Amino acid sequence: MFKKILLPLDGSAMSERAIDPAEEMAKGSGAEVLLIKVVPSPLGKAPEAGQAEESKAFAESVNRSKAYLEKIAFRLGGKSVKSRILVPSGEPHAEILSAAHKEDVDCIVMSTHGGSALARALLGSTAEKVVYTTKRPVMLIKPKEVLAAHLDEGEVFAGIPK
């Protein structure tokens, strides 16, 4: 069913909630999981920061991202799930979409961060931008706080006569 699953992560516990579902999907279909963590592009034209310092900070960020994804890849490998890491730089949603296209993934599995409506309106949501821009299937994993705030499906249908 799936050959390649793209799993965007940002290092947060919320984004890591998508690891287990992606792992289960990969185990069930023999798919490869592409782990991606987007590193923000260096400012480039900020002489106040100093070019050398900025380049060093960017390289350190890339190395930390690779090390982070390698730990997750090792964990997946221990469960017989093949994986690869990708660490592009740029805007997260654009790089996720670019990787999905370049790698011709079958599905994107990612977490939502459950931000407020105001935050989404002002800043936009990476998950929202990905969902509305791609034609590929996207599986969104909700944060625990959002899940706890919703009614159970059984509660919704309990009062409806058959």
C-alpha atoms as a PDB file:
ATOM      1  CA  MET A   1       0.000   0.000   0.000  1.00  0.00           C
ATOM      2  CA  PHE A   2       2.634   2.548   1.079  1.00  0.00           C
ATOM      3  CA  LYS A   3       6.187   2.638  -0.222  1.00  0.00           C
ATOM      4  CA  LYS A   4       7.310   5.954   1.292  1.00  0.00           C
ATOM      5  CA  ILE A   5       5.929   7.854   4.274  1.00  0.00           C
ATOM      6  CA  LEU A   6       7.116  11.379   5.025  1.00  0.00           C
ATOM      7  CA  LEU A   7       7.350  12.168   8.747  1.00  0.00           C
ATOM      8  CA  PRO A   8       8.026  15.866   9.485  1.00  0.00           C
ATOM      9  CA  LEU A   9       9.418  16.518  12.959  1.00  0.00           C
ATOM     10  CA  ASP A  10      10.490  19.704  14.704  1.00  0.00           C
ATOM     11  CA  GLY A  11      12.041  18.292  17.866  1.00  0.00           C
ATOM     12  CA  SER A  12       8.987  18.905  20.037  1.00  0.00           C
ATOM     13  CA  ALA A  13       7.131  16.241  22.013  1.00  0.00           C
ATOM     14  CA  MET A  14       3.981  17.173  20.098  1.00  0.00           C
ATOM     15  CA  SER A  15       5.565  16.508  16.709  1.00  0.00           C
ATOM     16  CA  GLU A  16       6.927  13.198  18.012  1.00  0.00           C
ATOM     17  CA  ARG A  17       3.348  11.992  18.604  1.00  0.00           C
ATOM     18  CA  ALA A  18       3.321  11.187  14.882  1.00  0.00           C
ATOM     19  CA  ILE A  19       6.224   8.708  15.139  1.00  0.00           C
ATOM     20  CA  ASP A  20       4.226   5.723  16.429  1.00  0.00           C
ATOM     21  CA  PRO A  21       1.424   5.960  13.826  1.00  0.00           C
ATOM     22  CA  ALA A  22       4.007   6.335  11.024  1.00  0.00           C
ATOM     23  CA  GLU A  23       5.922   3.358  12.410  1.00  0.00           C
ATOM     24  CA  GLU A  24       2.777   1.208  12.491  1.00  0.00           C
ATOM     25  CA  MET A  25       1.892   2.194   8.930  1.00  0.00           C
ATOM     26  CA  ALA A  26       5.418   1.381   7.754  1.00  0.00           C
ATOM     27  CA  LYS A  27       5.490  -1.980   9.552  1.00  0.00           C
ATOM     28  CA  GLY A  28       2.158  -2.935   8.040  1.00  0.00           C
ATOM     29  CA  SER A  29       3.120  -2.030   4.494  1.00  0.00           C
ATOM     30  CA  GLY A  30       6.920  -2.379   4.437  1.00  0.00           C
ATOM     31  CA  ALA A  31       7.251   1.325   3.657  1.00  0.00           C
ATOM     32  CA  GLU A  32      10.332   3.447   4.155  1.00  0.00           C
ATOM     33  CA  VAL A  33       9.897   6.368   6.574  1.00  0.00           C
ATOM     34  CA  LEU A  34      11.520   9.618   5.500  1.00  0.00           C
ATOM     35  CA  LEU A  35      12.302  11.651   8.610  1.00  0.00           C
ATOM     36  CA  ILE A  36      12.497  15.370   7.877  1.00  0.00           C
ATOM     37  CA  LYS A  37      13.449  18.273  10.125  1.00  0.00           C
ATOM     38  CA  VAL A  38      13.587  21.669   8.469  1.00  0.00           C
ATOM     39  CA  VAL A  39      16.285  24.052   9.676  1.00  0.00           C
ATOM     40  CA  PRO A  40      15.448  27.741   9.284  1.00  0.00           C
ATOM     41  CA  SER A  41      17.583  29.435   6.626  1.00  0.00           C
ATOM     42  CA  PRO A  42      20.302  31.739   7.921  1.00  0.00           C
ATOM     43  CA  LEU A  43      19.400  35.418   7.882  1.00  0.00           C
ATOM     44  CA  GLY A  44      22.183  36.068   5.371  1.00  0.00           C
ATOM     45  CA  LYS A  45      21.973  39.827   5.167  1.00  0.00           C
ATOM     46  CA  ALA A  46      22.263  40.728   8.841  1.00  0.00           C
ATOM     47  CA  PRO A  47      25.739  42.218   9.261  1.00  0.00           C
ATOM     48  CA  GLU A  48      25.028  42.896  12.943  1.00  0.00           C
ATOM     49  CA  ALA A  49      24.999  39.185  13.656  1.00  0.00           C
ATOM     50  CA  GLY A  50      28.268  38.589  11.833  1.00  0.00           C
ATOM     51  CA  GLN A  51      28.495  36.227   8.882  1.00  0.00           C
ATOM     52  CA  ALA A  52      30.941  33.832  10.552  1.00  0.00           C
ATOM     53  CA  GLU A  53      28.829  33.517  13.719  1.00  0.00           C
ATOM     54  CA  GLU A  54      25.674  33.014  11.717  1.00  0.00           C
ATOM     55  CA  SER A  55      27.278  30.339   9.534  1.00  0.00           C
ATOM     56  CA  LYS A  56      28.578  28.556  12.623  1.00  0.00           C
ATOM     57  CA  ALA A  57      25.156  28.686  14.315  1.00  0.00           C
ATOM     58  CA  PHE A  58      23.485  27.371  11.146  1.00  0.00           C
ATOM     59  CA  ALA A  59      25.974  24.482  10.849  1.00  0.00           C
ATOM     60  CA  GLU A  60      25.415  23.599  14.521  1.00  0.00           C
ATOM     61  CA  SER A  61      21.655  23.637  13.993  1.00  0.00           C
ATOM     62  CA  VAL A  62      21.992  21.290  11.005  1.00  0.00           C
ATOM     63  CA  ASN A  63      24.235  18.943  13.015  1.00  0.00           C
ATOM     64  CA  ARG A  64      21.811  18.911  15.980  1.00  0.00           C
ATOM     65  CA  SER A  65      18.925  18.183  13.594  1.00  0.00           C
ATOM     66  CA  LYS A  66      20.816  15.292  11.975  1.00  0.00           C
ATOM     67  CA  ALA A  67      21.725  13.826  15.380  1.00  0.00           C
ATOM     68  CA  TYR A  68      18.091  14.127  16.509  1.00  0.00           C
ATOM     69  CA  LEU A  69      16.777  12.353  13.395  1.00  0.00           C
ATOM     70  CA  GLU A  70      19.510   9.683  13.595  1.00  0.00           C
ATOM     71  CA  LYS A  71      18.270   8.748  17.093  1.00  0.00           C
ATOM     72  CA  ILE A  72      14.748   8.314  15.755  1.00  0.00           C
ATOM     73  CA  ALA A  73      16.022   6.382  12.720  1.00  0.00           C
ATOM     74  CA  PHE A  74      17.952   4.079  15.069  1.00  0.00           C
ATOM     75  CA  ARG A  75      14.787   3.512  17.120  1.00  0.00           C
ATOM     76  CA  LEU A  76      12.795   2.707  13.966  1.00  0.00           C
ATOM     77  CA  GLY A  77      15.558   0.409  12.711  1.00  0.00           C
ATOM     78  CA  GLY A  78      15.337  -1.522  15.976  1.00  0.00           C
ATOM     79  CA  LYS A  79      11.708  -2.204  15.090  1.00  0.00           C
ATOM     80  CA  SER A  80      12.599  -3.295  11.534  1.00  0.00           C
ATOM     81  CA  VAL A  81      11.400  -0.069   9.915  1.00  0.00           C
ATOM     82  CA  LYS A  82      13.629   1.288   7.178  1.00  0.00           C
ATOM     83  CA  SER A  83      14.175   5.039   7.347  1.00  0.00           C
ATOM     84  CA  ARG A  84      16.178   7.908   5.878  1.00  0.00           C
ATOM     85  CA  ILE A  85      16.807  11.411   7.156  1.00  0.00           C
ATOM     86  CA  LEU A  86      16.376  14.715   5.347  1.00  0.00           C
ATOM     87  CA  VAL A  87      17.526  18.053   6.780  1.00  0.00           C
ATOM     88  CA  PRO A  88      16.700  20.848   4.321  1.00  0.00           C
ATOM     89  CA  SER A  89      16.715  24.531   5.189  1.00  0.00           C
ATOM     90  CA  GLY A  90      13.950  27.016   4.518  1.00  0.00           C
ATOM     91  CA  GLU A  91      10.285  27.459   5.384  1.00  0.00           C
ATOM     92  CA  PRO A  92       8.945  24.268   6.992  1.00  0.00           C
ATOM     93  CA  HIS A  93       5.770  23.873   4.916  1.00  0.00           C
ATOM     94  CA  ALA A  94       7.582  24.585   1.636  1.00  0.00           C
ATOM     95  CA  GLU A  95      10.382  22.120   2.402  1.00  0.00           C
ATOM     96  CA  ILE A  96       7.929  19.435   3.521  1.00  0.00           C
ATOM     97  CA  LEU A  97       5.974  19.842   0.280  1.00  0.00           C
ATOM     98  CA  SER A  98       9.177  19.874  -1.762  1.00  0.00           C
ATOM     99  CA  ALA A  99      10.418  16.661  -0.134  1.00  0.00           C
ATOM    100  CA  ALA A 100       7.031  15.008  -0.636  1.00  0.00           C
ATOM    101  CA  HIS A 101       7.217  15.848  -4.347  1.00  0.00           C
ATOM    102  CA  LYS A 102      10.906  14.996  -4.889  1.00  0.00           C
ATOM    103  CA  GLU A 103      10.628  11.702  -3.028  1.00  0.00           C
ATOM    104  CA  ASP A 104       7.177  10.903  -4.458  1.00  0.00           C
ATOM    105  CA  VAL A 105       5.840   9.894  -1.054  1.00  0.00           C
ATOM    106  CA  ASP A 106       2.570   8.054  -0.681  1.00  0.00           C
ATOM    107  CA  CYS A 107       1.549   9.731   2.570  1.00  0.00           C
ATOM    108  CA  ILE A 108       2.572  12.480   4.990  1.00  0.00           C
ATOM    109  CA  VAL A 109       2.109  11.752   8.702  1.00  0.00           C
ATOM    110  CA  MET A 110       2.459  14.768  10.973  1.00  0.00           C
ATOM    111  CA  SER A 111       1.263  16.216  14.219  1.00  0.00           C
ATOM    112  CA  THR A 112      -0.771  19.332  14.663  1.00  0.00           C
ATOM    113  CA  HIS A 113       0.306  21.620  17.460  1.00  0.00           C
ATOM    114  CA  GLY A 114      -3.205  22.579  18.462  1.00  0.00           C
ATOM    115  CA  GLY A 115      -2.572  26.293  18.380  1.00  0.00           C
ATOM    116  CA  SER A 116      -5.333  28.815  18.974  1.00  0.00           C
ATOM    117  CA  ALA A 117      -7.389  30.149  16.091  1.00  0.00           C
ATOM    118  CA  LEU A 118      -5.759  33.550  16.536  1.00  0.00           C
ATOM    119  CA  ALA A 119      -2.248  32.074  16.334  1.00  0.00           C
ATOM    120  CA  ARG A 120      -3.178  30.163  13.183  1.00  0.00           C
ATOM    121  CA  ALA A 121      -4.703  33.286  11.641  1.00  0.00           C
ATOM    122  CA  LEU A 122      -1.658  35.413  12.394  1.00  0.00           C
ATOM    123  CA  LEU A 123       1.135  32.917  11.851  1.00  0.00           C
ATOM    124  CA  GLY A 124      -0.428  30.112   9.872  1.00  0.00           C
ATOM    125  CA  SER A 125      -0.020  26.469  10.716  1.00  0.00           C
ATOM    126  CA  THR A 126       2.565  24.284   9.028  1.00  0.00           C
ATOM    127  CA  ALA A 127       0.199  21.316   9.113  1.00  0.00           C
ATOM    128  CA  GLU A 128      -2.637  23.431   7.738  1.00  0.00           C
ATOM    129  CA  LYS A 129      -0.471  24.751   4.887  1.00  0.00           C
ATOM    130  CA  VAL A 130       0.650  21.226   4.027  1.00  0.00           C
ATOM    131  CA  VAL A 131      -2.879  19.799   4.097  1.00  0.00           C
ATOM    132  CA  TYR A 132      -4.349  22.533   1.914  1.00  0.00           C
ATOM    133  CA  THR A 133      -1.470  22.564  -0.567  1.00  0.00           C
ATOM    134  CA  THR A 134      -0.686  18.913  -1.253  1.00  0.00           C
ATOM    135  CA  LYS A 135      -2.708  16.415  -3.245  1.00  0.00           C
ATOM    136  CA  ARG A 136      -1.133  13.576  -1.271  1.00  0.00           C
ATOM    137  CA  PRO A 137      -2.891  11.916   1.669  1.00  0.00           C
ATOM    138  CA  VAL A 138      -2.006  13.514   5.010  1.00  0.00           C
ATOM    139  CA  MET A 139      -2.590  11.876   8.373  1.00  0.00           C
ATOM    140  CA  LEU A 140      -2.764  14.481  11.149  1.00  0.00           C
ATOM    141  CA  ILE A 141      -2.146  13.484  14.746  1.00  0.00           C
ATOM    142  CA  LYS A 142      -3.861  15.720  17.310  1.00  0.00           C
ATOM    143  CA  PRO A 143      -2.188  16.739  20.584  1.00  0.00           C
ATOM    144  CA  LYS A 144      -3.433  15.030  23.757  1.00  0.00           C
ATOM    145  CA  GLU A 145      -4.890  18.290  25.038  1.00  0.00           C
ATOM    146  CA  VAL A 146      -7.125  18.593  21.982  1.00  0.00           C
ATOM    147  CA  LEU A 147      -8.174  14.953  22.201  1.00  0.00           C
ATOM    148  CA  ALA A 148      -9.089  15.316  25.887  1.00  0.00           C
ATOM    149  CA  ALA A 149     -11.256  18.357  25.157  1.00  0.00           C
ATOM    150  CA  HIS A 150     -13.439  16.520  22.637  1.00  0.00           C
ATOM    151  CA  LEU A 151     -16.385  14.292  23.388  1.00  0.00           C
ATOM    152  CA  ASP A 152     -16.078  10.600  22.821  1.00  0.00           C
ATOM    153  CA  GLU A 153     -17.875   9.464  19.668  1.00  0.00           C
ATOM    154  CA  GLY A 154     -20.005   7.141  21.793  1.00  0.00           C
ATOM    155  CA  GLU A 155     -21.199  10.116  23.850  1.00  0.00           C
ATOM    156  CA  VAL A 156     -22.267  11.950  20.714  1.00  0.00           C
ATOM    157  CA  PHE A 157     -24.342   9.072  19.384  1.00  0.00           C
ATOM    158  CA  ALA A 158     -25.654   7.797  22.755  1.00  0.00           C
ATOM    159  CA  GLY A 159     -28.576  10.211  22.784  1.00  0.00           C
ATOM    160  CA  ILE A 160     -29.670   9.571  19.198  1.00  0.00           C
ATOM    161  CA  PRO A 161     -32.571   7.100  18.898  1.00  0.00           C
ATOM    162  CA  LYS A 162     -32.052   4.202  16.508  1.00  0.00           C
END
